[in-house]
Every structure is written in C-alpha cells, then in structure tokens.
Amino acid sequence: MESATREARYHVVCRECRVERLFESDADATALEREHADETGHRVVVSRVQ
C-alpha cells in the first residue's frame, strides 16, 4: 500500500469578520494576514495544518 504524502497547508482566519482561506504557501498565508490586518485592524490568525 502506498502511503499518502502530506504537505503543509496554512489556514488563515479573521477573528472579526468572514475572511477565511486555505493556502499551500506560508508566504501567501502571511501576506493575506498582514494585508487584512493592515487594512481593517482585525485580529487574523494563521495556523499550519496537514
């Protein structure tokens, strides 16, 4: 049986509005986090998931 390869994913969630996305790149996730926080002042969380 061939084992599945798990690649990291990055989940971005705003705690103050409906923004939520899943990325394959840490850089892309961090860019959305910073952009959204800068534009709105909202609290945004980025978590690594598999």
PDB file of N, CA and C in Angstrom:
ATOM      1  N   MET A   1       0.841  -1.169   0.000  1.00  0.00           N
ATOM      2  CA  MET A   1       0.000   0.000   0.000  1.00  0.00           C
ATOM      3  C   MET A   1       0.892   1.239   0.000  1.00  0.00           C
ATOM      4  N   GLU A   2       0.577   2.185  -0.851  1.00  0.00           N
ATOM      5  CA  GLU A   2       1.350   3.412  -0.954  1.00  0.00           C
ATOM      6  C   GLU A   2       0.842   4.423   0.058  1.00  0.00           C
ATOM      7  N   SER A   3       1.765   5.022   0.825  1.00  0.00           N
ATOM      8  CA  SER A   3       1.337   5.993   1.829  1.00  0.00           C
ATOM      9  C   SER A   3       1.117   7.348   1.182  1.00  0.00           C
ATOM     10  N   ALA A   4       0.169   8.068   1.696  1.00  0.00           N
ATOM     11  CA  ALA A   4      -0.153   9.395   1.165  1.00  0.00           C
ATOM     12  C   ALA A   4       0.876  10.409   1.655  1.00  0.00           C
ATOM     13  N   THR A   5       1.293  11.277   0.780  1.00  0.00           N
ATOM     14  CA  THR A   5       2.213  12.341   1.147  1.00  0.00           C
ATOM     15  C   THR A   5       1.395  13.528   1.642  1.00  0.00           C
ATOM     16  N   ARG A   6       1.716  13.972   2.829  1.00  0.00           N
ATOM     17  CA  ARG A   6       1.001  15.115   3.397  1.00  0.00           C
ATOM     18  C   ARG A   6       1.872  16.346   3.295  1.00  0.00           C
ATOM     19  N   GLU A   7       1.355  17.342   2.637  1.00  0.00           N
ATOM     20  CA  GLU A   7       2.059  18.606   2.536  1.00  0.00           C
ATOM     21  C   GLU A   7       1.365  19.611   3.434  1.00  0.00           C
ATOM     22  N   ALA A   8       2.141  20.501   3.976  1.00  0.00           N
ATOM     23  CA  ALA A   8       1.597  21.507   4.885  1.00  0.00           C
ATOM     24  C   ALA A   8       0.630  22.426   4.154  1.00  0.00           C
ATOM     25  N   ARG A   9      -0.377  22.822   4.864  1.00  0.00           N
ATOM     26  CA  ARG A   9      -1.329  23.817   4.398  1.00  0.00           C
ATOM     27  C   ARG A   9      -1.394  24.882   5.497  1.00  0.00           C
ATOM     28  N   TYR A  10      -1.813  26.066   5.118  1.00  0.00           N
ATOM     29  CA  TYR A  10      -1.875  27.176   6.063  1.00  0.00           C
ATOM     30  C   TYR A  10      -3.279  27.761   6.040  1.00  0.00           C
ATOM     31  N   HIS A  11      -3.900  27.778   7.195  1.00  0.00           N
ATOM     32  CA  HIS A  11      -5.277  28.223   7.356  1.00  0.00           C
ATOM     33  C   HIS A  11      -5.252  29.636   7.936  1.00  0.00           C
ATOM     34  N   VAL A  12      -5.887  30.572   7.236  1.00  0.00           N
ATOM     35  CA  VAL A  12      -5.947  31.964   7.675  1.00  0.00           C
ATOM     36  C   VAL A  12      -7.388  32.269   8.055  1.00  0.00           C
ATOM     37  N   VAL A  13      -7.580  32.795   9.275  1.00  0.00           N
ATOM     38  CA  VAL A  13      -8.922  33.112   9.763  1.00  0.00           C
ATOM     39  C   VAL A  13      -8.899  34.472  10.433  1.00  0.00           C
ATOM     40  N   CYS A  14      -9.835  35.317  10.041  1.00  0.00           N
ATOM     41  CA  CYS A  14     -10.031  36.582  10.736  1.00  0.00           C
ATOM     42  C   CYS A  14     -11.001  36.325  11.885  1.00  0.00           C
ATOM     43  N   ARG A  15     -10.655  36.804  13.060  1.00  0.00           N
ATOM     44  CA  ARG A  15     -11.500  36.612  14.240  1.00  0.00           C
ATOM     45  C   ARG A  15     -12.623  37.633  14.329  1.00  0.00           C
ATOM     46  N   GLU A  16     -12.646  38.570  13.375  1.00  0.00           N
ATOM     47  CA  GLU A  16     -13.628  39.649  13.470  1.00  0.00           C
ATOM     48  C   GLU A  16     -14.535  39.783  12.258  1.00  0.00           C
ATOM     49  N   CYS A  17     -14.311  38.980  11.216  1.00  0.00           N
ATOM     50  CA  CYS A  17     -15.190  39.006  10.054  1.00  0.00           C
ATOM     51  C   CYS A  17     -15.141  37.636   9.367  1.00  0.00           C
ATOM     52  N   ARG A  18     -15.661  37.544   8.165  1.00  0.00           N
ATOM     53  CA  ARG A  18     -15.813  36.250   7.498  1.00  0.00           C
ATOM     54  C   ARG A  18     -14.629  35.823   6.636  1.00  0.00           C
ATOM     55  N   VAL A  19     -13.508  36.506   6.708  1.00  0.00           N
ATOM     56  CA  VAL A  19     -12.343  36.132   5.904  1.00  0.00           C
ATOM     57  C   VAL A  19     -11.769  34.823   6.424  1.00  0.00           C
ATOM     58  N   GLU A  20     -11.639  33.858   5.525  1.00  0.00           N
ATOM     59  CA  GLU A  20     -11.062  32.552   5.865  1.00  0.00           C
ATOM     60  C   GLU A  20     -10.583  31.904   4.573  1.00  0.00           C
ATOM     61  N   ARG A  21      -9.311  31.480   4.543  1.00  0.00           N
ATOM     62  CA  ARG A  21      -8.757  30.855   3.337  1.00  0.00           C
ATOM     63  C   ARG A  21      -7.739  29.802   3.721  1.00  0.00           C
ATOM     64  N   LEU A  22      -7.495  28.902   2.785  1.00  0.00           N
ATOM     65  CA  LEU A  22      -6.508  27.848   2.950  1.00  0.00           C
ATOM     66  C   LEU A  22      -5.455  28.026   1.863  1.00  0.00           C
ATOM     67  N   PHE A  23      -4.175  28.009   2.248  1.00  0.00           N
ATOM     68  CA  PHE A  23      -3.067  28.206   1.322  1.00  0.00           C
ATOM     69  C   PHE A  23      -2.099  27.030   1.380  1.00  0.00           C
ATOM     70  N   GLU A  24      -1.368  26.818   0.317  1.00  0.00           N
ATOM     71  CA  GLU A  24      -0.302  25.821   0.288  1.00  0.00           C
ATOM     72  C   GLU A  24       1.046  26.464   0.590  1.00  0.00           C
ATOM     73  N   SER A  25       1.080  27.778   0.640  1.00  0.00           N
ATOM     74  CA  SER A  25       2.319  28.520   0.844  1.00  0.00           C
ATOM     75  C   SER A  25       2.233  29.377   2.107  1.00  0.00           C
ATOM     76  N   ASP A  26       3.237  29.249   2.962  1.00  0.00           N
ATOM     77  CA  ASP A  26       3.316  30.070   4.163  1.00  0.00           C
ATOM     78  C   ASP A  26       3.396  31.548   3.787  1.00  0.00           C
ATOM     79  N   ALA A  27       4.146  31.865   2.736  1.00  0.00           N
ATOM     80  CA  ALA A  27       4.303  33.257   2.310  1.00  0.00           C
ATOM     81  C   ALA A  27       2.970  33.861   1.880  1.00  0.00           C
ATOM     82  N   ASP A  28       2.161  33.102   1.151  1.00  0.00           N
ATOM     83  CA  ASP A  28       0.847  33.597   0.713  1.00  0.00           C
ATOM     84  C   ASP A  28      -0.080  33.804   1.906  1.00  0.00           C
ATOM     85  N   ALA A  29      -0.049  32.883   2.846  1.00  0.00           N
ATOM     86  CA  ALA A  29      -0.891  32.995   4.039  1.00  0.00           C
ATOM     87  C   ALA A  29      -0.500  34.218   4.859  1.00  0.00           C
ATOM     88  N   THR A  30       0.785  34.405   5.039  1.00  0.00           N
ATOM     89  CA  THR A  30       1.279  35.537   5.812  1.00  0.00           C
ATOM     90  C   THR A  30       0.955  36.856   5.113  1.00  0.00           C
ATOM     91  N   ALA A  31       1.029  36.879   3.787  1.00  0.00           N
ATOM     92  CA  ALA A  31       0.701  38.092   3.033  1.00  0.00           C
ATOM     93  C   ALA A  31      -0.756  38.486   3.256  1.00  0.00           C
ATOM     94  N   LEU A  32      -1.674  37.512   3.204  1.00  0.00           N
ATOM     95  CA  LEU A  32      -3.086  37.824   3.448  1.00  0.00           C
ATOM     96  C   LEU A  32      -3.278  38.296   4.882  1.00  0.00           C
ATOM     97  N   GLU A  33      -2.634  37.629   5.816  1.00  0.00           N
ATOM     98  CA  GLU A  33      -2.746  38.020   7.227  1.00  0.00           C
ATOM     99  C   GLU A  33      -2.348  39.482   7.415  1.00  0.00           C
ATOM    100  N   ARG A  34      -1.199  39.855   6.909  1.00  0.00           N
ATOM    101  CA  ARG A  34      -0.702  41.229   7.075  1.00  0.00           C
ATOM    102  C   ARG A  34      -1.570  42.243   6.342  1.00  0.00           C
ATOM    103  N   GLU A  35      -1.937  41.921   5.111  1.00  0.00           N
ATOM    104  CA  GLU A  35      -2.755  42.837   4.309  1.00  0.00           C
ATOM    105  C   GLU A  35      -4.104  43.094   4.972  1.00  0.00           C
ATOM    106  N   HIS A  36      -4.769  42.032   5.393  1.00  0.00           N
ATOM    107  CA  HIS A  36      -6.092  42.183   6.010  1.00  0.00           C
ATOM    108  C   HIS A  36      -5.990  42.939   7.335  1.00  0.00           C
ATOM    109  N   ALA A  37      -5.010  42.605   8.148  1.00  0.00           N
ATOM    110  CA  ALA A  37      -4.834  43.286   9.428  1.00  0.00           C
ATOM    111  C   ALA A  37      -4.513  44.766   9.220  1.00  0.00           C
ATOM    112  N   ASP A  38      -3.656  45.076   8.259  1.00  0.00           N
ATOM    113  CA  ASP A  38      -3.311  46.474   7.982  1.00  0.00           C
ATOM    114  C   ASP A  38      -4.508  47.268   7.481  1.00  0.00           C
ATOM    115  N   GLU A  39      -5.316  46.660   6.622  1.00  0.00           N
ATOM    116  CA  GLU A  39      -6.461  47.357   6.034  1.00  0.00           C
ATOM    117  C   GLU A  39      -7.615  47.541   7.015  1.00  0.00           C
ATOM    118  N   THR A  40      -7.813  46.573   7.895  1.00  0.00           N
ATOM    119  CA  THR A  40      -9.006  46.586   8.742  1.00  0.00           C
ATOM    120  C   THR A  40      -8.739  46.760  10.231  1.00  0.00           C
ATOM    121  N   GLY A  41      -7.518  46.429  10.677  1.00  0.00           N
ATOM    122  CA  GLY A  41      -7.221  46.444  12.105  1.00  0.00           C
ATOM    123  C   GLY A  41      -7.742  45.201  12.817  1.00  0.00           C
ATOM    124  N   HIS A  42      -8.214  44.222  12.052  1.00  0.00           N
ATOM    125  CA  HIS A  42      -8.751  42.984  12.625  1.00  0.00           C
ATOM    126  C   HIS A  42      -7.652  42.055  13.124  1.00  0.00           C
ATOM    127  N   ARG A  43      -8.049  41.157  14.016  1.00  0.00           N
ATOM    128  CA  ARG A  43      -7.145  40.115  14.510  1.00  0.00           C
ATOM    129  C   ARG A  43      -7.230  38.925  13.563  1.00  0.00           C
ATOM    130  N   VAL A  44      -6.100  38.551  12.971  1.00  0.00           N
ATOM    131  CA  VAL A  44      -6.043  37.469  11.999  1.00  0.00           C
ATOM    132  C   VAL A  44      -5.096  36.407  12.522  1.00  0.00           C
ATOM    133  N   VAL A  45      -5.478  35.135  12.373  1.00  0.00           N
ATOM    134  CA  VAL A  45      -4.679  34.016  12.847  1.00  0.00           C
ATOM    135  C   VAL A  45      -4.280  33.135  11.662  1.00  0.00           C
ATOM    136  N   VAL A  46      -3.011  32.734  11.647  1.00  0.00           N
ATOM    137  CA  VAL A  46      -2.521  31.788  10.635  1.00  0.00           C
ATOM    138  C   VAL A  46      -2.057  30.533  11.378  1.00  0.00           C
ATOM    139  N   SER A  47      -2.558  29.393  10.950  1.00  0.00           N
ATOM    140  CA  SER A  47      -2.184  28.124  11.566  1.00  0.00           C
ATOM    141  C   SER A  47      -1.733  27.142  10.512  1.00  0.00           C
ATOM    142  N   ARG A  48      -0.712  26.377  10.819  1.00  0.00           N
ATOM    143  CA  ARG A  48      -0.269  25.323   9.897  1.00  0.00           C
ATOM    144  C   ARG A  48      -1.111  24.084  10.170  1.00  0.00           C
ATOM    145  N   VAL A  49      -1.639  23.517   9.106  1.00  0.00           N
ATOM    146  CA  VAL A  49      -2.437  22.286   9.211  1.00  0.00           C
ATOM    147  C   VAL A  49      -1.912  21.284   8.211  1.00  0.00           C
ATOM    148  N   GLN A  50      -2.242  20.011   8.405  1.00  0.00           N
ATOM    149  CA  GLN A  50      -1.813  18.992   7.459  1.00  0.00           C
ATOM    150  C   GLN A  50      -2.987  18.257   6.892  1.00  0.00           C
TER     151      GLN A  50
END
